[in-house]
Amino acid sequence: MAAEAIQVRPAADSDRRGNFTLGQLFCEWGVKLTANCLGRYRGHIAWWVNGRKMTGDPAQLVLDAHQEIVIAAGQPPSLVPPAYSFPAGL
């Protein structure tokens, strides 16, 4: 299991404003993300936001501050924590 904190904001020279999605982030990483695909994996994708089981396409999730997002390909974990203690300043 991997854990990362990300910061999302437009480039300084960009006029782009608005929402960013989890799918856009995965696209930046070069990883396909859909309701039944995570990279090369094809099959059951389970996902949670802040400990709450979600349905649908995780790529459509609009990113917001301090979300804990868990994506499981295949067998989901038995426990998904509801919160993460973000370091001060994040």
Protein backbone atom coordinates (compact mmCIF):
# COMPACT_ATOMS: atom_id res chain seq x y z
CA MET A 1 0.00 0.00 0.00
CA ALA A 2 1.31 3.43 -0.94
CA ALA A 3 0.48 6.72 0.73
CA GLU A 4 1.17 10.11 -0.77
CA ALA A 5 0.11 13.69 -0.17
CA ILE A 6 -0.41 15.81 -3.27
CA GLN A 7 -0.85 19.51 -3.83
CA VAL A 8 -2.90 20.58 -6.85
CA ARG A 9 -2.83 24.09 -8.27
CA PRO A 10 -2.62 25.68 -11.72
CA ALA A 11 0.78 26.64 -13.09
CA ALA A 12 1.79 30.25 -12.42
CA ASP A 13 1.45 31.11 -16.13
CA SER A 14 -1.93 29.37 -16.50
CA ASP A 15 -5.28 31.08 -16.65
CA ARG A 16 -6.94 27.79 -15.71
CA ARG A 17 -9.18 27.98 -12.68
CA GLY A 18 -11.71 25.56 -11.35
CA ASN A 19 -11.82 21.98 -10.28
CA PHE A 20 -9.33 19.22 -10.86
CA THR A 21 -10.35 15.56 -10.92
CA LEU A 22 -8.65 12.39 -9.79
CA GLY A 23 -8.72 11.28 -13.43
CA GLN A 24 -6.68 14.34 -14.44
CA LEU A 25 -4.09 13.52 -11.79
CA PHE A 26 -3.79 9.91 -12.95
CA CYS A 27 -3.54 11.16 -16.56
CA GLU A 28 -0.57 13.35 -15.52
CA TRP A 29 1.03 10.19 -14.12
CA GLY A 30 0.29 8.32 -17.37
CA VAL A 31 -2.02 5.87 -15.58
CA LYS A 32 -5.48 5.02 -16.90
CA LEU A 33 -8.22 5.20 -14.24
CA THR A 34 -11.85 4.21 -14.82
CA ALA A 35 -14.56 2.33 -12.93
CA ASN A 36 -12.99 -0.99 -13.98
CA CYS A 37 -9.39 -0.10 -14.87
CA LEU A 38 -6.33 0.99 -12.88
CA GLY A 39 -3.26 1.12 -15.09
CA ARG A 40 -2.87 -2.31 -16.67
CA TYR A 41 -5.29 -3.92 -14.20
CA ARG A 42 -8.77 -4.68 -15.56
CA GLY A 43 -11.45 -5.84 -13.15
CA HIS A 44 -13.10 -4.83 -9.91
CA ILE A 45 -12.04 -1.40 -8.63
CA ALA A 46 -13.17 -0.41 -5.14
CA TRP A 47 -12.63 3.10 -3.82
CA TRP A 48 -13.25 5.20 -0.73
CA VAL A 49 -13.15 8.89 0.12
CA ASN A 50 -12.61 9.76 3.78
CA GLY A 51 -13.50 6.20 4.78
CA ARG A 52 -16.80 6.19 2.85
CA LYS A 53 -17.24 3.51 0.16
CA MET A 54 -17.95 5.10 -3.21
CA THR A 55 -19.51 3.87 -6.44
CA GLY A 56 -19.10 4.94 -10.04
CA ASP A 57 -16.00 6.17 -11.83
CA PRO A 58 -13.22 7.34 -9.46
CA ALA A 59 -11.73 9.42 -12.30
CA GLN A 60 -14.69 11.82 -11.97
CA LEU A 61 -13.95 12.61 -8.31
CA VAL A 62 -13.34 16.35 -7.91
CA LEU A 63 -10.29 16.84 -5.71
CA ASP A 64 -10.72 18.82 -2.52
CA ALA A 65 -8.45 19.72 0.39
CA HIS A 66 -7.58 16.96 2.85
CA GLN A 67 -9.38 14.10 1.16
CA GLU A 68 -8.21 10.62 1.99
CA ILE A 69 -8.65 8.59 -1.18
CA VAL A 70 -8.16 4.83 -1.28
CA ILE A 71 -8.30 2.87 -4.55
CA ALA A 72 -8.10 -0.92 -4.44
CA ALA A 73 -7.66 -3.11 -7.51
CA GLY A 74 -8.82 -6.65 -6.87
CA GLN A 75 -9.38 -7.72 -3.28
CA PRO A 76 -10.24 -4.60 -1.22
CA PRO A 77 -8.58 -4.03 2.16
CA SER A 78 -10.44 -5.20 5.25
CA LEU A 79 -10.09 -1.77 6.89
CA VAL A 80 -10.08 1.66 5.31
CA PRO A 81 -9.19 4.44 7.77
CA PRO A 82 -11.66 7.36 7.82
CA ALA A 83 -9.03 10.06 8.27
CA TYR A 84 -5.39 10.98 7.84
CA SER A 85 -3.48 13.36 10.08
CA PHE A 86 -2.12 15.88 7.60
CA PRO A 87 1.06 17.70 8.68
CA ALA A 88 0.65 21.35 9.64
CA GLY A 89 0.69 23.64 6.64
CA LEU A 90 -0.86 21.23 4.18
